[in-house]
Structures are given as C-alpha cells and as structure tokens.
C-alpha cells in the first residue's frame, strides 16, 4: 500500500534529483552534515524535504562548487 503524500514535501529521491545528485551521494552528504537535516521525518523514518530546505541546499552547493 503506498504511503500518503505530504503536500509540498519531497522524498529523499526527489530532493536528490532536484539537486542533481545520485542517491548515494545525497545520503552521504546528509549524513556528513554538508546538507541541512530533513524538514520532517515521519514515524517510519522516511525523510521529507520542503522548498525552504531545497533553497538552502542549493545555496550550499553554489558555495561548495558542487563537490566534496
């Protein structure tokens, strides 16, 4: 049964895709603290990201030049 969608929130794969990253790199950067923590984590541990998070993360990527 599919999970209900949170309006205005992106899943991990959607957020990574918006930033132009593969899922492994995206999760690694989250774990290392390069990117801000998720906007919301549900009771099952599913991470969700909102537009504010996306804007902040894009600023970080511009500063870092997109690489580690």
PDB file of N, CA and C in Angstrom:
ATOM      1  N   UNK A   1       0.844  -1.184   0.000  1.00  0.00           N
ATOM      2  CA  UNK A   1       0.000   0.000   0.000  1.00  0.00           C
ATOM      3  C   UNK A   1       0.888   1.247   0.000  1.00  0.00           C
ATOM      4  N   UNK A   2       0.685   2.171  -0.917  1.00  0.00           N
ATOM      5  CA  UNK A   2       1.536   3.364  -0.973  1.00  0.00           C
ATOM      6  C   UNK A   2       1.323   4.263   0.238  1.00  0.00           C
ATOM      7  N   UNK A   3       2.396   4.966   0.584  1.00  0.00           N
ATOM      8  CA  UNK A   3       2.320   5.928   1.690  1.00  0.00           C
ATOM      9  C   UNK A   3       1.540   7.157   1.249  1.00  0.00           C
ATOM     10  N   UNK A   4       0.816   7.777   2.176  1.00  0.00           N
ATOM     11  CA  UNK A   4       0.164   9.045   1.811  1.00  0.00           C
ATOM     12  C   UNK A   4       1.207  10.130   1.567  1.00  0.00           C
ATOM     13  N   UNK A   5       0.956  10.991   0.614  1.00  0.00           N
ATOM     14  CA  UNK A   5       1.891  12.074   0.279  1.00  0.00           C
ATOM     15  C   UNK A   5       1.664  13.269   1.188  1.00  0.00           C
ATOM     16  N   UNK A   6       2.751  13.877   1.612  1.00  0.00           N
ATOM     17  CA  UNK A   6       2.668  15.132   2.338  1.00  0.00           C
ATOM     18  C   UNK A   6       2.705  16.252   1.311  1.00  0.00           C
ATOM     19  N   UNK A   7       1.746  17.110   1.337  1.00  0.00           N
ATOM     20  CA  UNK A   7       1.653  18.204   0.373  1.00  0.00           C
ATOM     21  C   UNK A   7       2.848  19.144   0.506  1.00  0.00           C
ATOM     22  N   UNK A   8       3.494  19.428  -0.623  1.00  0.00           N
ATOM     23  CA  UNK A   8       4.610  20.368  -0.636  1.00  0.00           C
ATOM     24  C   UNK A   8       5.926  19.802  -0.150  1.00  0.00           C
ATOM     25  N   UNK A   9       6.002  18.506   0.066  1.00  0.00           N
ATOM     26  CA  UNK A   9       7.235  17.884   0.551  1.00  0.00           C
ATOM     27  C   UNK A   9       7.781  16.931  -0.511  1.00  0.00           C
ATOM     28  N   UNK A  10       9.102  16.827  -0.561  1.00  0.00           N
ATOM     29  CA  UNK A  10       9.772  15.908  -1.482  1.00  0.00           C
ATOM     30  C   UNK A  10      10.356  14.750  -0.686  1.00  0.00           C
ATOM     31  N   UNK A  11      10.413  13.593  -1.316  1.00  0.00           N
ATOM     32  CA  UNK A  11      11.084  12.452  -0.708  1.00  0.00           C
ATOM     33  C   UNK A  11      12.590  12.592  -0.924  1.00  0.00           C
ATOM     34  N   UNK A  12      13.349  11.678  -0.351  1.00  0.00           N
ATOM     35  CA  UNK A  12      14.804  11.693  -0.498  1.00  0.00           C
ATOM     36  C   UNK A  12      15.205  11.641  -1.970  1.00  0.00           C
ATOM     37  N   UNK A  13      14.610  10.734  -2.727  1.00  0.00           N
ATOM     38  CA  UNK A  13      14.997  10.616  -4.140  1.00  0.00           C
ATOM     39  C   UNK A  13      14.614  11.867  -4.930  1.00  0.00           C
ATOM     40  N   UNK A  14      13.463  12.450  -4.631  1.00  0.00           N
ATOM     41  CA  UNK A  14      13.049  13.672  -5.325  1.00  0.00           C
ATOM     42  C   UNK A  14      13.974  14.842  -4.989  1.00  0.00           C
ATOM     43  N   UNK A  15      14.338  14.975  -3.720  1.00  0.00           N
ATOM     44  CA  UNK A  15      15.229  16.069  -3.311  1.00  0.00           C
ATOM     45  C   UNK A  15      16.607  15.907  -3.950  1.00  0.00           C
ATOM     46  N   UNK A  16      17.128  14.695  -3.956  1.00  0.00           N
ATOM     47  CA  UNK A  16      18.413  14.443  -4.593  1.00  0.00           C
ATOM     48  C   UNK A  16      18.385  14.776  -6.073  1.00  0.00           C
ATOM     49  N   UNK A  17      17.313  14.385  -6.721  1.00  0.00           N
ATOM     50  CA  UNK A  17      17.157  14.670  -8.152  1.00  0.00           C
ATOM     51  C   UNK A  17      17.103  16.180  -8.394  1.00  0.00           C
ATOM     52  N   UNK A  18      16.395  16.919  -7.537  1.00  0.00           N
ATOM     53  CA  UNK A  18      16.322  18.380  -7.665  1.00  0.00           C
ATOM     54  C   UNK A  18      17.703  19.025  -7.543  1.00  0.00           C
ATOM     55  N   UNK A  19      18.584  18.399  -6.760  1.00  0.00           N
ATOM     56  CA  UNK A  19      19.940  18.935  -6.578  1.00  0.00           C
ATOM     57  C   UNK A  19      20.928  18.360  -7.594  1.00  0.00           C
ATOM     58  N   UNK A  20      20.458  17.456  -8.448  1.00  0.00           N
ATOM     59  CA  UNK A  20      21.322  16.866  -9.461  1.00  0.00           C
ATOM     60  C   UNK A  20      22.296  15.848  -8.905  1.00  0.00           C
ATOM     61  N   UNK A  21      21.908  15.163  -7.833  1.00  0.00           N
ATOM     62  CA  UNK A  21      22.784  14.178  -7.180  1.00  0.00           C
ATOM     63  C   UNK A  21      22.177  12.791  -7.254  1.00  0.00           C
ATOM     64  N   UNK A  22      23.049  11.807  -7.295  1.00  0.00           N
ATOM     65  CA  UNK A  22      22.611  10.437  -7.133  1.00  0.00           C
ATOM     66  C   UNK A  22      22.241  10.185  -5.683  1.00  0.00           C
ATOM     67  N   UNK A  23      21.493   9.127  -5.440  1.00  0.00           N
ATOM     68  CA  UNK A  23      21.002   8.872  -4.084  1.00  0.00           C
ATOM     69  C   UNK A  23      22.122   8.590  -3.091  1.00  0.00           C
ATOM     70  N   UNK A  24      23.164   7.884  -3.511  1.00  0.00           N
ATOM     71  CA  UNK A  24      24.265   7.578  -2.579  1.00  0.00           C
ATOM     72  C   UNK A  24      24.978   8.849  -2.131  1.00  0.00           C
ATOM     73  N   UNK A  25      25.296   9.716  -3.077  1.00  0.00           N
ATOM     74  CA  UNK A  25      25.977  10.971  -2.740  1.00  0.00           C
ATOM     75  C   UNK A  25      25.078  11.844  -1.871  1.00  0.00           C
ATOM     76  N   UNK A  26      23.806  11.926  -2.237  1.00  0.00           N
ATOM     77  CA  UNK A  26      22.863  12.735  -1.477  1.00  0.00           C
ATOM     78  C   UNK A  26      22.793  12.268  -0.024  1.00  0.00           C
ATOM     79  N   UNK A  27      22.635  10.973   0.202  1.00  0.00           N
ATOM     80  CA  UNK A  27      22.558  10.442   1.569  1.00  0.00           C
ATOM     81  C   UNK A  27      23.875  10.621   2.314  1.00  0.00           C
ATOM     82  N   UNK A  28      24.993  10.482   1.605  1.00  0.00           N
ATOM     83  CA  UNK A  28      26.306  10.680   2.233  1.00  0.00           C
ATOM     84  C   UNK A  28      26.455  12.128   2.706  1.00  0.00           C
ATOM     85  N   UNK A  29      26.055  13.081   1.881  1.00  0.00           N
ATOM     86  CA  UNK A  29      26.147  14.491   2.258  1.00  0.00           C
ATOM     87  C   UNK A  29      25.218  14.815   3.422  1.00  0.00           C
ATOM     88  N   UNK A  30      24.029  14.210   3.451  1.00  0.00           N
ATOM     89  CA  UNK A  30      23.124  14.403   4.591  1.00  0.00           C
ATOM     90  C   UNK A  30      23.765  13.873   5.870  1.00  0.00           C
ATOM     91  N   UNK A  31      24.311  12.668   5.781  1.00  0.00           N
ATOM     92  CA  UNK A  31      24.917  12.024   6.954  1.00  0.00           C
ATOM     93  C   UNK A  31      26.107  12.825   7.479  1.00  0.00           C
ATOM     94  N   UNK A  32      26.904  13.374   6.582  1.00  0.00           N
ATOM     95  CA  UNK A  32      28.085  14.160   6.978  1.00  0.00           C
ATOM     96  C   UNK A  32      27.727  15.558   7.480  1.00  0.00           C
ATOM     97  N   UNK A  33      26.499  15.980   7.261  1.00  0.00           N
ATOM     98  CA  UNK A  33      26.085  17.310   7.694  1.00  0.00           C
ATOM     99  C   UNK A  33      26.410  18.405   6.699  1.00  0.00           C
ATOM    100  N   UNK A  34      26.799  18.022   5.479  1.00  0.00           N
ATOM    101  CA  UNK A  34      27.064  19.022   4.438  1.00  0.00           C
ATOM    102  C   UNK A  34      25.752  19.713   4.066  1.00  0.00           C
ATOM    103  N   UNK A  35      24.690  18.920   3.960  1.00  0.00           N
ATOM    104  CA  UNK A  35      23.356  19.450   3.693  1.00  0.00           C
ATOM    105  C   UNK A  35      22.577  19.520   4.998  1.00  0.00           C
ATOM    106  N   UNK A  36      21.622  20.437   5.092  1.00  0.00           N
ATOM    107  CA  UNK A  36      20.822  20.548   6.318  1.00  0.00           C
ATOM    108  C   UNK A  36      20.010  19.273   6.564  1.00  0.00           C
ATOM    109  N   UNK A  37      19.609  19.043   7.806  1.00  0.00           N
ATOM    110  CA  UNK A  37      18.776  17.870   8.089  1.00  0.00           C
ATOM    111  C   UNK A  37      17.423  17.989   7.385  1.00  0.00           C
ATOM    112  N   UNK A  38      16.745  16.863   7.191  1.00  0.00           N
ATOM    113  CA  UNK A  38      15.433  16.896   6.539  1.00  0.00           C
ATOM    114  C   UNK A  38      14.459  17.820   7.264  1.00  0.00           C
ATOM    115  N   UNK A  39      13.501  18.331   6.530  1.00  0.00           N
ATOM    116  CA  UNK A  39      12.474  19.197   7.105  1.00  0.00           C
ATOM    117  C   UNK A  39      11.578  18.423   8.058  1.00  0.00           C
ATOM    118  N   UNK A  40      11.364  17.144   7.754  1.00  0.00           N
ATOM    119  CA  UNK A  40      10.443  16.326   8.532  1.00  0.00           C
ATOM    120  C   UNK A  40      10.833  14.867   8.361  1.00  0.00           C
ATOM    121  N   UNK A  41      10.772  14.104   9.434  1.00  0.00           N
ATOM    122  CA  UNK A  41      10.977  12.655   9.377  1.00  0.00           C
ATOM    123  C   UNK A  41       9.755  12.018  10.015  1.00  0.00           C
ATOM    124  N   UNK A  42       9.087  11.126   9.271  1.00  0.00           N
ATOM    125  CA  UNK A  42       7.872  10.524   9.824  1.00  0.00           C
ATOM    126  C   UNK A  42       8.211   9.394  10.797  1.00  0.00           C
ATOM    127  N   UNK A  43       7.193   8.776  11.360  1.00  0.00           N
ATOM    128  CA  UNK A  43       7.378   7.723  12.363  1.00  0.00           C
ATOM    129  C   UNK A  43       8.099   6.497  11.821  1.00  0.00           C
ATOM    130  N   UNK A  44       8.090   6.323  10.509  1.00  0.00           N
ATOM    131  CA  UNK A  44       8.773   5.195   9.878  1.00  0.00           C
ATOM    132  C   UNK A  44      10.192   5.540   9.448  1.00  0.00           C
ATOM    133  N   UNK A  45      10.632   6.761   9.720  1.00  0.00           N
ATOM    134  CA  UNK A  45      11.977   7.176   9.353  1.00  0.00           C
ATOM    135  C   UNK A  45      12.105   7.724   7.948  1.00  0.00           C
ATOM    136  N   UNK A  46      10.985   7.918   7.266  1.00  0.00           N
ATOM    137  CA  UNK A  46      11.016   8.468   5.909  1.00  0.00           C
ATOM    138  C   UNK A  46      11.297   9.965   6.001  1.00  0.00           C
ATOM    139  N   UNK A  47      12.304  10.411   5.246  1.00  0.00           N
ATOM    140  CA  UNK A  47      12.704  11.814   5.254  1.00  0.00           C
ATOM    141  C   UNK A  47      11.897  12.594   4.219  1.00  0.00           C
ATOM    142  N   UNK A  48      11.515  13.810   4.596  1.00  0.00           N
ATOM    143  CA  UNK A  48      10.816  14.708   3.676  1.00  0.00           C
ATOM    144  C   UNK A  48      11.509  16.062   3.691  1.00  0.00           C
ATOM    145  N   UNK A  49      11.498  16.723   2.543  1.00  0.00           N
ATOM    146  CA  UNK A  49      12.198  17.985   2.351  1.00  0.00           C
ATOM    147  C   UNK A  49      11.236  18.988   1.742  1.00  0.00           C
ATOM    148  N   UNK A  50      11.246  20.229   2.262  1.00  0.00           N
ATOM    149  CA  UNK A  50      10.354  21.256   1.722  1.00  0.00           C
ATOM    150  C   UNK A  50      11.135  22.234   0.843  1.00  0.00           C
ATOM    151  N   UNK A  51      10.425  23.208   0.296  1.00  0.00           N
ATOM    152  CA  UNK A  51      11.054  24.162  -0.626  1.00  0.00           C
ATOM    153  C   UNK A  51      12.109  25.023   0.069  1.00  0.00           C
ATOM    154  N   UNK A  52      11.893  25.372   1.325  1.00  0.00           N
ATOM    155  CA  UNK A  52      12.900  26.136   2.068  1.00  0.00           C
ATOM    156  C   UNK A  52      14.189  25.356   2.205  1.00  0.00           C
ATOM    157  N   UNK A  53      14.064  24.066   2.484  1.00  0.00           N
ATOM    158  CA  UNK A  53      15.235  23.193   2.585  1.00  0.00           C
ATOM    159  C   UNK A  53      15.964  23.165   1.241  1.00  0.00           C
ATOM    160  N   UNK A  54      15.197  23.036   0.163  1.00  0.00           N
ATOM    161  CA  UNK A  54      15.791  22.971  -1.174  1.00  0.00           C
ATOM    162  C   UNK A  54      16.557  24.252  -1.497  1.00  0.00           C
ATOM    163  N   UNK A  55      15.985  25.404  -1.186  1.00  0.00           N
ATOM    164  CA  UNK A  55      16.666  26.679  -1.443  1.00  0.00           C
ATOM    165  C   UNK A  55      17.962  26.780  -0.642  1.00  0.00           C
ATOM    166  N   UNK A  56      17.908  26.405   0.642  1.00  0.00           N
ATOM    167  CA  UNK A  56      19.116  26.440   1.479  1.00  0.00           C
ATOM    168  C   UNK A  56      20.191  25.512   0.929  1.00  0.00           C
ATOM    169  N   UNK A  57      19.779  24.333   0.502  1.00  0.00           N
ATOM    170  CA  UNK A  57      20.735  23.352  -0.017  1.00  0.00           C
ATOM    171  C   UNK A  57      21.368  23.814  -1.322  1.00  0.00           C
ATOM    172  N   UNK A  58      20.590  24.455  -2.170  1.00  0.00           N
ATOM    173  CA  UNK A  58      21.140  24.982  -3.425  1.00  0.00           C
ATOM    174  C   UNK A  58      22.177  26.067  -3.153  1.00  0.00           C
ATOM    175  N   UNK A  59      21.944  26.896  -2.135  1.00  0.00           N
ATOM    176  CA  UNK A  59      22.934  27.913  -1.753  1.00  0.00           C
ATOM    177  C   UNK A  59      24.228  27.246  -1.304  1.00  0.00           C
ATOM    178  N   UNK A  60      24.109  26.200  -0.502  1.00  0.00           N
ATOM    179  CA  UNK A  60      25.289  25.469  -0.022  1.00  0.00           C
ATOM    180  C   UNK A  60      26.060  24.889  -1.197  1.00  0.00           C
ATOM    181  N   UNK A  61      25.353  24.299  -2.147  1.00  0.00           N
ATOM    182  CA  UNK A  61      26.022  23.713  -3.315  1.00  0.00           C
ATOM    183  C   UNK A  61      26.738  24.771  -4.146  1.00  0.00           C
ATOM    184  N   UNK A  62      26.135  25.944  -4.273  1.00  0.00           N
ATOM    185  CA  UNK A  62      26.805  27.022  -5.020  1.00  0.00           C
ATOM    186  C   UNK A  62      28.094  27.432  -4.319  1.00  0.00           C
ATOM    187  N   UNK A  63      28.051  27.531  -2.997  1.00  0.00           N
ATOM    188  CA  UNK A  63      29.242  27.913  -2.235  1.00  0.00           C
ATOM    189  C   UNK A  63      30.324  26.845  -2.353  1.00  0.00           C
ATOM    190  N   UNK A  64      29.922  25.573  -2.241  1.00  0.00           N
ATOM    191  CA  UNK A  64      30.880  24.475  -2.289  1.00  0.00           C
ATOM    192  C   UNK A  64      31.346  24.168  -3.706  1.00  0.00           C
ATOM    193  N   UNK A  65      30.643  24.650  -4.693  1.00  0.00           N
ATOM    194  CA  UNK A  65      31.005  24.336  -6.070  1.00  0.00           C
ATOM    195  C   UNK A  65      30.521  22.965  -6.493  1.00  0.00           C
ATOM    196  N   UNK A  66      29.625  22.358  -5.698  1.00  0.00           N
ATOM    197  CA  UNK A  66      29.012  21.085  -6.065  1.00  0.00           C
ATOM    198  C   UNK A  66      29.845  19.855  -5.831  1.00  0.00           C
ATOM    199  N   UNK A  67      30.966  19.955  -5.102  1.00  0.00           N
ATOM    200  CA  UNK A  67      31.787  18.757  -4.891  1.00  0.00           C
ATOM    201  C   UNK A  67      32.346  18.725  -3.482  1.00  0.00           C
ATOM    202  N   UNK A  68      32.739  17.502  -3.061  1.00  0.00           N
ATOM    203  CA  UNK A  68      33.412  17.338  -1.765  1.00  0.00           C
ATOM    204  C   UNK A  68      34.758  16.700  -1.968  1.00  0.00           C
TER     205      UNK A  68
END
